């Protein structure tokens, strides 16, 4: 079974809205550290963000005002989250959304982010599994045979499924290109490529990897 060479932290936030620039805040976080071929560590918490939770967010996520009011304050959660992520590679489904909230919340407490790179599992899926009708997390996971273990639109359940998508990607790269150990940097490179260029890129990458393995 193909595994990852270095740890990757899968992140998912629930939030009060779409834009930290407009004052939206995080209400729940889940960060799962993938080591090798499995999730080894996790950090999960509701967040007292100090703002009102819109009713449509409660309807979508099930997260109520009482739940966040009783949660640890955002400065504590964000500090612990940044400590948990450290300098590992970061991933999320639609990663630019989660990273912008992570940076905004870090800025609020004077803590810059330190992750060494960013992998978007949504972009990755589009490149590795072309032609699917939808790459939304629920639809994608269903296509890949990955079941939700909790409630969709809750941070830990979504992060669990997204982590399974990333692990599926490693196995896919193993079965299609013979990569037994997948470098997280490869996923970053795939994110940046046009989908049409991915097959040729992977063929060359795998060929070089086999040459290096034979020489070593």
N, C-alpha and C. Protein backbone atom coordinates (compact mmCIF):
# COMPACT_ATOMS: atom_id res chain seq x y z
N UNK A 1 0.84 -1.20 0.00
CA UNK A 1 0.00 0.00 0.00
C UNK A 1 0.87 1.25 0.00
N UNK A 2 0.55 2.19 -0.86
CA UNK A 2 1.33 3.42 -0.94
C UNK A 2 1.00 4.35 0.22
N UNK A 3 2.04 5.00 0.74
CA UNK A 3 1.88 5.90 1.88
C UNK A 3 2.61 7.21 1.60
N UNK A 4 2.47 8.16 2.51
CA UNK A 4 3.12 9.45 2.35
C UNK A 4 4.47 9.48 3.05
N UNK A 5 5.43 10.14 2.39
CA UNK A 5 6.79 10.21 2.93
C UNK A 5 6.87 11.06 4.18
N UNK A 6 6.06 12.11 4.22
CA UNK A 6 6.09 13.03 5.37
C UNK A 6 4.67 13.34 5.80
N UNK A 7 4.49 13.79 7.03
CA UNK A 7 3.13 14.06 7.53
C UNK A 7 2.40 15.15 6.75
N UNK A 8 1.10 15.01 6.67
CA UNK A 8 0.21 16.03 6.09
C UNK A 8 -0.93 16.24 7.09
N UNK A 9 -1.24 17.49 7.39
CA UNK A 9 -2.35 17.80 8.31
C UNK A 9 -3.56 18.22 7.48
N UNK A 10 -4.64 17.43 7.61
CA UNK A 10 -5.90 17.77 6.94
C UNK A 10 -6.71 18.67 7.86
N UNK A 11 -7.10 19.83 7.35
CA UNK A 11 -7.78 20.86 8.15
C UNK A 11 -9.19 21.09 7.64
N UNK A 12 -10.12 21.28 8.58
CA UNK A 12 -11.45 21.72 8.20
C UNK A 12 -11.99 22.68 9.26
N UNK A 13 -12.51 23.81 8.79
CA UNK A 13 -13.18 24.77 9.66
C UNK A 13 -14.67 24.80 9.37
N UNK A 14 -15.47 25.00 10.42
CA UNK A 14 -16.82 25.52 10.25
C UNK A 14 -16.75 26.99 10.64
N UNK A 15 -17.49 27.83 9.96
CA UNK A 15 -17.37 29.27 10.14
C UNK A 15 -18.74 29.94 10.17
N UNK A 16 -18.74 31.22 10.51
CA UNK A 16 -20.00 31.99 10.52
C UNK A 16 -20.36 32.51 9.14
N UNK A 17 -19.46 32.38 8.18
CA UNK A 17 -19.71 32.88 6.83
C UNK A 17 -18.52 32.58 5.94
N UNK A 18 -18.43 33.28 4.83
CA UNK A 18 -17.44 32.95 3.81
C UNK A 18 -16.18 33.81 3.84
N UNK A 19 -16.20 34.91 4.57
CA UNK A 19 -15.10 35.87 4.41
C UNK A 19 -14.61 36.42 5.75
N UNK A 20 -13.35 36.09 6.14
CA UNK A 20 -12.80 36.71 7.34
C UNK A 20 -12.62 38.21 7.18
N UNK A 21 -12.45 38.67 5.93
CA UNK A 21 -12.32 40.11 5.69
C UNK A 21 -13.59 40.86 6.05
N UNK A 22 -14.74 40.16 6.00
CA UNK A 22 -16.03 40.76 6.34
C UNK A 22 -16.42 40.48 7.79
N UNK A 23 -15.49 39.96 8.56
CA UNK A 23 -15.74 39.73 9.98
C UNK A 23 -16.20 38.33 10.33
N UNK A 24 -16.24 37.41 9.37
CA UNK A 24 -16.65 36.05 9.69
C UNK A 24 -15.55 35.35 10.49
N UNK A 25 -15.97 34.43 11.35
CA UNK A 25 -15.05 33.78 12.28
C UNK A 25 -15.24 32.27 12.24
N UNK A 26 -14.31 31.55 12.83
CA UNK A 26 -14.40 30.10 12.91
C UNK A 26 -15.24 29.69 14.12
N UNK A 27 -16.04 28.66 13.95
CA UNK A 27 -16.87 28.13 15.05
C UNK A 27 -16.45 26.74 15.47
N UNK A 28 -15.72 26.04 14.60
CA UNK A 28 -15.26 24.68 14.92
C UNK A 28 -14.07 24.35 14.04
N UNK A 29 -13.15 23.57 14.58
CA UNK A 29 -11.96 23.18 13.84
C UNK A 29 -11.69 21.70 14.05
N UNK A 30 -11.21 21.06 12.99
CA UNK A 30 -10.66 19.71 13.09
C UNK A 30 -9.39 19.65 12.27
N UNK A 31 -8.31 19.18 12.87
CA UNK A 31 -7.03 19.00 12.18
C UNK A 31 -6.57 17.57 12.42
N UNK A 32 -6.37 16.82 11.35
CA UNK A 32 -6.00 15.41 11.44
C UNK A 32 -4.64 15.22 10.78
N UNK A 33 -3.70 14.66 11.54
CA UNK A 33 -2.35 14.46 11.00
C UNK A 33 -2.26 13.06 10.37
N UNK A 34 -2.01 13.05 9.06
CA UNK A 34 -1.80 11.81 8.33
C UNK A 34 -0.31 11.49 8.39
N UNK A 35 0.02 10.32 8.90
CA UNK A 35 1.40 9.86 8.97
C UNK A 35 1.47 8.52 8.24
N UNK A 36 2.27 8.47 7.19
CA UNK A 36 2.36 7.24 6.41
C UNK A 36 1.06 7.00 5.67
N UNK A 37 0.31 6.00 6.13
CA UNK A 37 -0.93 5.65 5.46
C UNK A 37 -2.15 5.71 6.35
N UNK A 38 -2.08 6.51 7.42
CA UNK A 38 -3.22 6.58 8.32
C UNK A 38 -3.23 7.88 9.11
N UNK A 39 -4.38 8.19 9.69
CA UNK A 39 -4.49 9.33 10.60
C UNK A 39 -3.97 8.90 11.96
N UNK A 40 -2.98 9.61 12.47
CA UNK A 40 -2.34 9.24 13.74
C UNK A 40 -2.71 10.17 14.89
N UNK A 41 -2.94 11.46 14.59
CA UNK A 41 -3.23 12.44 15.64
C UNK A 41 -4.33 13.36 15.17
N UNK A 42 -5.02 13.96 16.13
CA UNK A 42 -6.07 14.90 15.74
C UNK A 42 -6.24 15.99 16.80
N UNK A 43 -6.65 17.15 16.33
CA UNK A 43 -7.03 18.25 17.21
C UNK A 43 -8.41 18.72 16.77
N UNK A 44 -9.38 18.65 17.68
CA UNK A 44 -10.77 18.98 17.37
C UNK A 44 -11.34 19.85 18.48
N UNK A 45 -12.00 20.94 18.11
CA UNK A 45 -12.60 21.80 19.13
C UNK A 45 -13.66 22.70 18.53
N UNK A 46 -14.72 22.92 19.28
CA UNK A 46 -15.60 24.06 19.01
C UNK A 46 -14.85 25.33 19.42
N UNK A 47 -15.32 26.47 18.94
CA UNK A 47 -14.61 27.72 19.16
C UNK A 47 -15.59 28.80 19.60
N UNK A 48 -15.27 29.45 20.72
CA UNK A 48 -16.03 30.64 21.13
C UNK A 48 -15.41 31.83 20.43
N UNK A 49 -16.04 32.22 19.32
CA UNK A 49 -15.46 33.27 18.48
C UNK A 49 -15.95 34.66 18.85
N UNK A 50 -16.87 34.74 19.81
CA UNK A 50 -17.30 36.04 20.30
C UNK A 50 -18.27 36.78 19.39
N UNK A 51 -18.87 36.07 18.43
CA UNK A 51 -19.85 36.70 17.55
C UNK A 51 -21.11 35.82 17.50
N UNK A 52 -22.19 36.41 16.99
CA UNK A 52 -23.44 35.66 16.87
C UNK A 52 -23.37 34.68 15.72
N UNK A 53 -23.97 33.51 15.92
CA UNK A 53 -24.02 32.49 14.88
C UNK A 53 -25.28 32.71 14.04
N UNK A 54 -25.16 32.97 12.75
CA UNK A 54 -26.35 33.16 11.92
C UNK A 54 -27.23 31.91 11.93
N UNK A 55 -28.52 32.11 11.85
CA UNK A 55 -29.45 30.98 11.92
C UNK A 55 -29.24 30.00 10.79
N UNK A 56 -28.86 30.49 9.61
CA UNK A 56 -28.67 29.56 8.49
C UNK A 56 -27.44 28.69 8.70
N UNK A 57 -26.45 29.19 9.45
CA UNK A 57 -25.27 28.38 9.78
C UNK A 57 -25.67 27.27 10.76
N UNK A 58 -26.48 27.60 11.73
CA UNK A 58 -26.97 26.58 12.66
C UNK A 58 -27.77 25.52 11.91
N UNK A 59 -28.60 25.94 10.97
CA UNK A 59 -29.37 24.98 10.18
C UNK A 59 -28.47 24.09 9.34
N UNK A 60 -27.39 24.64 8.82
CA UNK A 60 -26.47 23.88 7.98
C UNK A 60 -25.60 22.93 8.78
N UNK A 61 -25.06 23.42 9.90
CA UNK A 61 -24.05 22.65 10.64
C UNK A 61 -24.57 21.99 11.91
N UNK A 62 -25.65 22.53 12.46
CA UNK A 62 -26.11 22.06 13.77
C UNK A 62 -25.39 22.70 14.93
N UNK A 63 -24.46 23.62 14.63
CA UNK A 63 -23.72 24.32 15.68
C UNK A 63 -24.54 25.50 16.16
N UNK A 64 -24.88 25.50 17.45
CA UNK A 64 -25.75 26.53 18.02
C UNK A 64 -24.94 27.59 18.76
N UNK A 65 -25.62 28.68 19.09
CA UNK A 65 -24.98 29.74 19.87
C UNK A 65 -24.54 29.22 21.23
N UNK A 66 -25.37 28.42 21.87
CA UNK A 66 -25.02 27.87 23.18
C UNK A 66 -23.76 27.02 23.10
N UNK A 67 -23.60 26.26 22.02
CA UNK A 67 -22.43 25.40 21.86
C UNK A 67 -21.15 26.22 21.79
N UNK A 68 -21.16 27.29 21.00
CA UNK A 68 -19.93 28.08 20.88
C UNK A 68 -19.70 28.94 22.11
N UNK A 69 -20.77 29.38 22.76
CA UNK A 69 -20.61 30.18 23.98
C UNK A 69 -19.93 29.37 25.08
N UNK A 70 -20.13 28.07 25.08
CA UNK A 70 -19.54 27.20 26.10
C UNK A 70 -18.17 26.65 25.70
N UNK A 71 -17.72 26.99 24.49
CA UNK A 71 -16.46 26.45 23.96
C UNK A 71 -15.27 27.28 24.42
N UNK A 72 -14.05 26.76 24.26
CA UNK A 72 -12.85 27.53 24.59
C UNK A 72 -12.75 28.77 23.70
N UNK A 73 -12.13 29.84 24.20
CA UNK A 73 -12.01 31.06 23.40
C UNK A 73 -11.13 30.85 22.18
N UNK A 74 -11.39 31.65 21.16
CA UNK A 74 -10.69 31.47 19.89
C UNK A 74 -9.18 31.60 20.03
N UNK A 75 -8.72 32.53 20.88
CA UNK A 75 -7.27 32.71 20.99
C UNK A 75 -6.58 31.46 21.52
N UNK A 76 -7.24 30.74 22.41
CA UNK A 76 -6.68 29.49 22.95
C UNK A 76 -6.69 28.40 21.88
N UNK A 77 -7.83 28.26 21.20
CA UNK A 77 -7.95 27.21 20.18
C UNK A 77 -6.97 27.45 19.04
N UNK A 78 -6.88 28.69 18.56
CA UNK A 78 -6.02 28.98 17.42
C UNK A 78 -4.56 28.75 17.78
N UNK A 79 -4.16 29.16 18.97
CA UNK A 79 -2.77 28.93 19.40
C UNK A 79 -2.46 27.43 19.45
N UNK A 80 -3.38 26.65 20.00
CA UNK A 80 -3.18 25.20 20.07
C UNK A 80 -3.18 24.58 18.68
N UNK A 81 -4.04 25.10 17.80
CA UNK A 81 -4.10 24.58 16.44
C UNK A 81 -2.80 24.85 15.69
N UNK A 82 -2.27 26.07 15.78
CA UNK A 82 -1.03 26.39 15.11
C UNK A 82 0.12 25.56 15.66
N UNK A 83 0.12 25.32 16.96
CA UNK A 83 1.13 24.43 17.55
C UNK A 83 1.00 23.02 16.98
N UNK A 84 -0.24 22.56 16.82
CA UNK A 84 -0.49 21.21 16.32
C UNK A 84 -0.01 21.07 14.87
N UNK A 85 -0.33 22.05 14.04
CA UNK A 85 0.08 21.99 12.63
C UNK A 85 1.59 22.09 12.49
N UNK A 86 2.19 23.02 13.23
CA UNK A 86 3.63 23.21 13.15
C UNK A 86 4.08 23.56 11.75
N UNK A 87 5.12 22.86 11.29
CA UNK A 87 5.68 23.12 9.95
C UNK A 87 5.30 22.02 8.96
N UNK A 88 4.33 21.18 9.29
CA UNK A 88 3.91 20.12 8.38
C UNK A 88 3.19 20.70 7.16
N UNK A 89 3.07 19.88 6.13
CA UNK A 89 2.24 20.24 4.98
C UNK A 89 0.79 20.32 5.43
N UNK A 90 0.05 21.29 4.89
CA UNK A 90 -1.36 21.47 5.23
C UNK A 90 -2.22 21.12 4.03
N UNK A 91 -3.37 20.52 4.30
CA UNK A 91 -4.31 20.20 3.24
C UNK A 91 -5.72 20.51 3.70
N UNK A 92 -6.60 20.78 2.74
CA UNK A 92 -8.02 20.97 3.00
C UNK A 92 -8.76 20.79 1.69
N UNK A 93 -10.05 20.53 1.77
CA UNK A 93 -10.87 20.43 0.56
C UNK A 93 -11.38 21.83 0.26
N UNK A 94 -10.98 22.36 -0.90
CA UNK A 94 -11.12 23.79 -1.21
C UNK A 94 -10.22 24.57 -0.25
N UNK A 95 -8.92 24.28 -0.36
CA UNK A 95 -7.95 24.67 0.67
C UNK A 95 -7.79 26.18 0.83
N UNK A 96 -7.99 26.96 -0.22
CA UNK A 96 -7.81 28.40 -0.09
C UNK A 96 -8.78 28.99 0.94
N UNK A 97 -9.98 28.40 1.05
CA UNK A 97 -10.96 28.86 2.03
C UNK A 97 -10.44 28.66 3.45
N UNK A 98 -9.99 27.47 3.77
CA UNK A 98 -9.55 27.18 5.13
C UNK A 98 -8.25 27.91 5.47
N UNK A 99 -7.35 28.02 4.48
CA UNK A 99 -6.09 28.70 4.76
C UNK A 99 -6.31 30.18 5.04
N UNK A 100 -7.24 30.83 4.34
CA UNK A 100 -7.45 32.26 4.58
C UNK A 100 -8.01 32.49 5.98
N UNK A 101 -8.86 31.57 6.47
CA UNK A 101 -9.35 31.70 7.83
C UNK A 101 -8.24 31.41 8.84
N UNK A 102 -7.39 30.42 8.56
CA UNK A 102 -6.28 30.12 9.46
C UNK A 102 -5.35 31.32 9.58
N UNK A 103 -5.03 31.94 8.46
CA UNK A 103 -4.14 33.10 8.49
C UNK A 103 -4.79 34.27 9.22
N UNK A 104 -6.09 34.49 8.96
CA UNK A 104 -6.79 35.60 9.61
C UNK A 104 -6.86 35.40 11.12
N UNK A 105 -7.16 34.18 11.54
CA UNK A 105 -7.24 33.92 12.99
C UNK A 105 -5.86 33.98 13.63
N UNK A 106 -4.84 33.53 12.92
CA UNK A 106 -3.48 33.65 13.43
C UNK A 106 -3.07 35.10 13.58
N UNK A 107 -3.45 35.92 12.60
CA UNK A 107 -3.13 37.35 12.66
C UNK A 107 -3.78 37.99 13.87
N UNK A 108 -4.97 37.57 14.22
CA UNK A 108 -5.68 38.15 15.38
C UNK A 108 -4.91 37.95 16.68
N UNK A 109 -4.18 36.86 16.77
CA UNK A 109 -3.44 36.59 18.02
C UNK A 109 -1.93 36.81 17.85
N UNK A 110 -1.54 37.39 16.72
CA UNK A 110 -0.13 37.68 16.49
C UNK A 110 0.72 36.47 16.20
N UNK A 111 0.11 35.45 15.61
CA UNK A 111 0.83 34.21 15.29
C UNK A 111 0.78 33.94 13.79
N UNK A 112 1.90 34.03 13.11
CA UNK A 112 1.91 33.66 11.69
C UNK A 112 1.81 32.15 11.52
N UNK A 113 1.30 31.74 10.38
CA UNK A 113 1.25 30.31 10.09
C UNK A 113 2.64 29.83 9.70
N UNK A 114 2.90 28.53 9.91
CA UNK A 114 4.25 28.00 9.66
C UNK A 114 4.23 26.75 8.77
N UNK A 115 3.04 26.35 8.26
CA UNK A 115 3.00 25.14 7.44
C UNK A 115 3.87 25.32 6.20
N UNK A 116 4.44 24.20 5.73
CA UNK A 116 5.46 24.27 4.69
C UNK A 116 4.87 24.28 3.28
N UNK A 117 3.58 24.09 3.15
CA UNK A 117 2.95 24.08 1.83
C UNK A 117 1.47 23.77 1.98
N UNK A 118 0.75 23.86 0.86
CA UNK A 118 -0.70 23.69 0.90
C UNK A 118 -1.15 22.78 -0.25
N UNK A 119 -1.93 21.77 0.11
CA UNK A 119 -2.51 20.84 -0.88
C UNK A 119 -4.03 20.98 -0.84
N UNK A 120 -4.63 21.24 -1.98
CA UNK A 120 -6.09 21.28 -2.07
C UNK A 120 -6.57 19.92 -2.55
N UNK A 121 -7.27 19.19 -1.69
CA UNK A 121 -7.73 17.85 -2.08
C UNK A 121 -8.80 17.92 -3.17
N UNK A 122 -9.52 19.04 -3.26
CA UNK A 122 -10.50 19.20 -4.33
C UNK A 122 -9.79 19.31 -5.69
N UNK A 123 -8.79 20.18 -5.78
CA UNK A 123 -8.03 20.31 -7.02
C UNK A 123 -7.32 19.00 -7.36
N UNK A 124 -6.78 18.35 -6.35
CA UNK A 124 -6.07 17.09 -6.57
C UNK A 124 -7.01 16.04 -7.16
N UNK A 125 -8.22 15.95 -6.62
CA UNK A 125 -9.19 14.97 -7.11
C UNK A 125 -9.55 15.25 -8.57
N UNK A 126 -9.68 16.52 -8.91
CA UNK A 126 -10.00 16.86 -10.31
C UNK A 126 -8.92 16.37 -11.27
N UNK A 127 -7.68 16.35 -10.80
CA UNK A 127 -6.57 15.95 -11.65
C UNK A 127 -6.35 14.44 -11.66
N UNK A 128 -6.59 13.78 -10.55
CA UNK A 128 -6.37 12.33 -10.48
C UNK A 128 -7.58 11.51 -10.90
N UNK A 129 -8.77 12.10 -10.74
CA UNK A 129 -10.00 11.37 -11.07
C UNK A 129 -10.84 12.22 -12.04
N UNK A 130 -10.33 12.45 -13.25
CA UNK A 130 -11.03 13.33 -14.19
C UNK A 130 -12.37 12.73 -14.63
N UNK A 131 -13.30 13.62 -14.96
CA UNK A 131 -14.56 13.19 -15.53
C UNK A 131 -15.67 12.90 -14.56
N UNK A 132 -15.44 13.09 -13.26
CA UNK A 132 -16.52 12.87 -12.31
C UNK A 132 -17.53 14.00 -12.40
N UNK A 133 -18.80 13.73 -12.12
CA UNK A 133 -19.82 14.78 -12.24
C UNK A 133 -19.71 15.87 -11.20
N UNK A 134 -19.11 15.56 -10.03
CA UNK A 134 -18.99 16.55 -8.96
C UNK A 134 -17.79 16.22 -8.09
N UNK A 135 -17.13 17.28 -7.62
CA UNK A 135 -15.99 17.10 -6.72
C UNK A 135 -16.27 17.68 -5.34
N UNK A 136 -17.54 18.00 -5.07
CA UNK A 136 -17.91 18.33 -3.70
C UNK A 136 -17.61 17.13 -2.82
N UNK A 137 -17.25 17.40 -1.58
CA UNK A 137 -16.71 16.34 -0.73
C UNK A 137 -17.66 15.15 -0.60
N UNK A 138 -18.94 15.40 -0.38
CA UNK A 138 -19.89 14.31 -0.23
C UNK A 138 -20.03 13.49 -1.49
N UNK A 139 -20.14 14.15 -2.64
CA UNK A 139 -20.28 13.44 -3.91
C UNK A 139 -19.00 12.69 -4.28
N UNK A 140 -17.85 13.34 -4.07
CA UNK A 140 -16.58 12.71 -4.39
C UNK A 140 -16.34 11.48 -3.54
N UNK A 141 -16.57 11.60 -2.23
CA UNK A 141 -16.33 10.47 -1.34
C UNK A 141 -17.23 9.29 -1.69
N UNK A 142 -18.47 9.59 -2.08
CA UNK A 142 -19.38 8.52 -2.47
C UNK A 142 -18.85 7.79 -3.70
N UNK A 143 -18.35 8.54 -4.68
CA UNK A 143 -17.79 7.95 -5.89
C UNK A 143 -16.58 7.08 -5.59
N UNK A 144 -15.80 7.48 -4.59
CA UNK A 144 -14.59 6.74 -4.24
C UNK A 144 -14.84 5.62 -3.23
N UNK A 145 -16.09 5.47 -2.80
CA UNK A 145 -16.43 4.42 -1.85
C UNK A 145 -16.04 4.75 -0.42
N UNK A 146 -15.98 6.05 -0.11
CA UNK A 146 -15.64 6.51 1.23
C UNK A 146 -16.90 6.97 1.93
N UNK A 147 -17.18 6.42 3.10
CA UNK A 147 -18.41 6.74 3.81
C UNK A 147 -18.16 7.79 4.89
N UNK A 148 -19.11 8.70 5.07
CA UNK A 148 -19.07 9.62 6.20
C UNK A 148 -19.32 8.84 7.49
N UNK A 149 -18.48 9.10 8.50
CA UNK A 149 -18.65 8.43 9.80
C UNK A 149 -19.40 9.30 10.79
N UNK A 150 -19.62 10.55 10.44
CA UNK A 150 -20.33 11.46 11.33
C UNK A 150 -21.29 12.28 10.51
N UNK A 151 -21.50 13.51 10.93
CA UNK A 151 -22.45 14.40 10.26
C UNK A 151 -21.72 15.34 9.32
N UNK A 152 -22.16 15.39 8.06
CA UNK A 152 -21.56 16.32 7.11
C UNK A 152 -21.76 17.75 7.60
N UNK A 153 -20.81 18.62 7.25
CA UNK A 153 -20.80 20.02 7.68
C UNK A 153 -20.51 20.16 9.17
N UNK A 154 -19.88 19.14 9.75
CA UNK A 154 -19.21 19.28 11.04
C UNK A 154 -17.74 19.03 10.78
N UNK A 155 -16.87 19.76 11.46
CA UNK A 155 -15.46 19.81 11.09
C UNK A 155 -14.78 18.44 11.12
N UNK A 156 -15.01 17.67 12.19
CA UNK A 156 -14.28 16.40 12.28
C UNK A 156 -14.74 15.41 11.23
N UNK A 157 -16.04 15.33 10.98
CA UNK A 157 -16.54 14.41 9.97
C UNK A 157 -16.02 14.78 8.59
N UNK A 158 -16.05 16.07 8.26
CA UNK A 158 -15.56 16.51 6.96
C UNK A 158 -14.06 16.27 6.83
N UNK A 159 -13.31 16.55 7.89
CA UNK A 159 -11.86 16.34 7.85
C UNK A 159 -11.52 14.86 7.71
N UNK A 160 -12.29 14.01 8.38
CA UNK A 160 -12.08 12.55 8.27
C UNK A 160 -12.23 12.11 6.82
N UNK A 161 -13.30 12.55 6.18
CA UNK A 161 -13.55 12.13 4.80
C UNK A 161 -12.49 12.71 3.86
N UNK A 162 -12.13 13.97 4.04
CA UNK A 162 -11.11 14.58 3.21
C UNK A 162 -9.76 13.87 3.38
N UNK A 163 -9.45 13.46 4.61
CA UNK A 163 -8.22 12.70 4.86
C UNK A 163 -8.26 11.37 4.12
N UNK A 164 -9.42 10.72 4.12
CA UNK A 164 -9.56 9.46 3.39
C UNK A 164 -9.40 9.67 1.89
N UNK A 165 -9.86 10.80 1.38
CA UNK A 165 -9.64 11.13 -0.03
C UNK A 165 -8.15 11.24 -0.32
N UNK A 166 -7.40 11.88 0.57
CA UNK A 166 -5.96 12.04 0.39
C UNK A 166 -5.26 10.68 0.45
N UNK A 167 -5.69 9.82 1.35
CA UNK A 167 -5.11 8.48 1.44
C UNK A 167 -5.46 7.66 0.21
N UNK A 168 -6.67 7.84 -0.29
CA UNK A 168 -7.07 7.17 -1.53
C UNK A 168 -6.17 7.62 -2.69
N UNK A 169 -5.85 8.91 -2.71
CA UNK A 169 -4.98 9.45 -3.75
C UNK A 169 -3.60 8.79 -3.72
N UNK A 170 -3.07 8.57 -2.53
CA UNK A 170 -1.76 7.90 -2.42
C UNK A 170 -1.84 6.48 -2.98
N UNK A 171 -2.90 5.76 -2.62
CA UNK A 171 -3.07 4.40 -3.14
C UNK A 171 -3.25 4.41 -4.65
N UNK A 172 -3.98 5.41 -5.15
CA UNK A 172 -4.20 5.54 -6.59
C UNK A 172 -2.87 5.76 -7.32
N UNK A 173 -2.03 6.63 -6.78
CA UNK A 173 -0.71 6.88 -7.38
C UNK A 173 0.16 5.63 -7.32
N UNK A 174 -0.03 4.84 -6.28
CA UNK A 174 0.70 3.58 -6.19
C UNK A 174 0.27 2.59 -7.24
N UNK A 175 -1.04 2.44 -7.41
CA UNK A 175 -1.56 1.43 -8.35
C UNK A 175 -1.38 1.85 -9.81
N UNK A 176 -1.42 3.15 -10.09
CA UNK A 176 -1.34 3.60 -11.48
C UNK A 176 0.08 3.93 -11.92
N UNK A 177 0.95 4.31 -10.98
CA UNK A 177 2.29 4.74 -11.36
C UNK A 177 3.40 4.09 -10.53
N UNK A 178 3.05 3.16 -9.68
CA UNK A 178 4.06 2.41 -8.94
C UNK A 178 4.77 3.20 -7.86
N UNK A 179 4.16 4.28 -7.38
CA UNK A 179 4.79 5.09 -6.34
C UNK A 179 4.43 4.53 -4.97
N UNK A 180 5.37 3.89 -4.33
CA UNK A 180 5.09 3.28 -3.03
C UNK A 180 5.15 4.31 -1.90
N UNK A 181 5.99 5.32 -2.08
CA UNK A 181 6.10 6.41 -1.11
C UNK A 181 5.84 7.72 -1.85
N UNK A 182 4.81 8.43 -1.44
CA UNK A 182 4.39 9.64 -2.15
C UNK A 182 4.86 10.86 -1.37
N UNK A 183 5.58 11.73 -2.05
CA UNK A 183 6.04 12.97 -1.43
C UNK A 183 4.90 13.99 -1.43
N UNK A 184 4.61 14.61 -0.29
CA UNK A 184 3.58 15.65 -0.28
C UNK A 184 3.83 16.76 -1.30
N UNK A 185 5.11 17.04 -1.59
CA UNK A 185 5.42 18.06 -2.58
C UNK A 185 4.89 17.69 -3.96
N UNK A 186 4.78 16.39 -4.24
CA UNK A 186 4.20 15.97 -5.52
C UNK A 186 2.76 16.44 -5.64
N UNK A 187 2.01 16.36 -4.55
CA UNK A 187 0.62 16.80 -4.56
C UNK A 187 0.52 18.30 -4.82
N UNK A 188 1.44 19.06 -4.25
CA UNK A 188 1.47 20.51 -4.48
C UNK A 188 1.71 20.78 -5.96
N UNK A 189 2.65 20.04 -6.55
CA UNK A 189 2.93 20.21 -7.98
C UNK A 189 1.72 19.86 -8.83
N UNK A 190 1.02 18.79 -8.49
CA UNK A 190 -0.17 18.40 -9.25
C UNK A 190 -1.25 19.46 -9.16
N UNK A 191 -1.39 20.08 -7.98
CA UNK A 191 -2.37 21.16 -7.81
C UNK A 191 -2.14 22.30 -8.80
N UNK A 192 -0.89 22.54 -9.14
CA UNK A 192 -0.54 23.70 -9.95
C UNK A 192 -0.62 23.41 -11.45
N UNK A 193 -0.73 22.14 -11.82
CA UNK A 193 -0.75 21.77 -13.23
C UNK A 193 -2.15 21.85 -13.82
N UNK A 194 -2.23 22.16 -15.10
CA UNK A 194 -3.48 21.99 -15.82
C UNK A 194 -3.79 20.51 -15.89
N UNK A 195 -5.05 20.16 -15.77
CA UNK A 195 -5.45 18.75 -15.70
C UNK A 195 -4.93 17.96 -16.89
N UNK A 196 -4.91 18.55 -18.08
CA UNK A 196 -4.49 17.83 -19.28
C UNK A 196 -3.02 17.44 -19.25
N UNK A 197 -2.23 18.14 -18.45
CA UNK A 197 -0.79 17.86 -18.40
C UNK A 197 -0.42 16.84 -17.34
N UNK A 198 -1.37 16.46 -16.50
CA UNK A 198 -1.06 15.58 -15.37
C UNK A 198 -0.59 14.19 -15.79
N UNK A 199 -1.24 13.50 -16.75
CA UNK A 199 -0.77 12.15 -17.10
C UNK A 199 0.68 12.10 -17.54
N UNK A 200 1.09 13.01 -18.43
CA UNK A 200 2.47 13.02 -18.90
C UNK A 200 3.42 13.36 -17.76
N UNK A 201 3.04 14.32 -16.94
CA UNK A 201 3.88 14.70 -15.80
C UNK A 201 4.09 13.50 -14.87
N UNK A 202 3.03 12.78 -14.56
CA UNK A 202 3.15 11.63 -13.65
C UNK A 202 3.96 10.51 -14.27
N UNK A 203 3.81 10.29 -15.56
CA UNK A 203 4.63 9.26 -16.23
C UNK A 203 6.11 9.58 -16.10
N UNK A 204 6.48 10.83 -16.34
CA UNK A 204 7.88 11.24 -16.24
C UNK A 204 8.36 11.16 -14.79
N UNK A 205 7.51 11.60 -13.87
CA UNK A 205 7.87 11.57 -12.44
C UNK A 205 8.12 10.14 -11.99
N UNK A 206 7.22 9.23 -12.36
CA UNK A 206 7.35 7.83 -11.94
C UNK A 206 8.58 7.19 -12.58
N UNK A 207 8.86 7.52 -13.83
CA UNK A 207 10.03 6.97 -14.50
C UNK A 207 11.31 7.42 -13.81
N UNK A 208 11.38 8.69 -13.45
CA UNK A 208 12.55 9.22 -12.74
C UNK A 208 12.69 8.56 -11.37
N UNK A 209 11.57 8.35 -10.69
CA UNK A 209 11.60 7.71 -9.38
C UNK A 209 12.12 6.29 -9.47
N UNK A 210 11.74 5.56 -10.53
CA UNK A 210 12.24 4.20 -10.70
C UNK A 210 13.73 4.20 -11.00
N UNK A 211 14.19 5.16 -11.80
CA UNK A 211 15.63 5.26 -12.10
C UNK A 211 16.43 5.55 -10.85
N UNK A 212 15.91 6.45 -10.02
CA UNK A 212 16.62 6.80 -8.78
C UNK A 212 16.65 5.63 -7.82
N UNK A 213 15.54 4.88 -7.75
CA UNK A 213 15.48 3.70 -6.89
C UNK A 213 16.47 2.63 -7.35
N UNK A 214 16.58 2.45 -8.67
CA UNK A 214 17.50 1.45 -9.20
C UNK A 214 18.96 1.84 -8.96
N UNK A 215 19.22 3.16 -9.07
CA UNK A 215 20.58 3.64 -8.87
C UNK A 215 20.98 3.61 -7.40
N UNK A 216 19.98 3.76 -6.50
CA UNK A 216 20.26 3.82 -5.07
C UNK A 216 20.31 2.47 -4.44
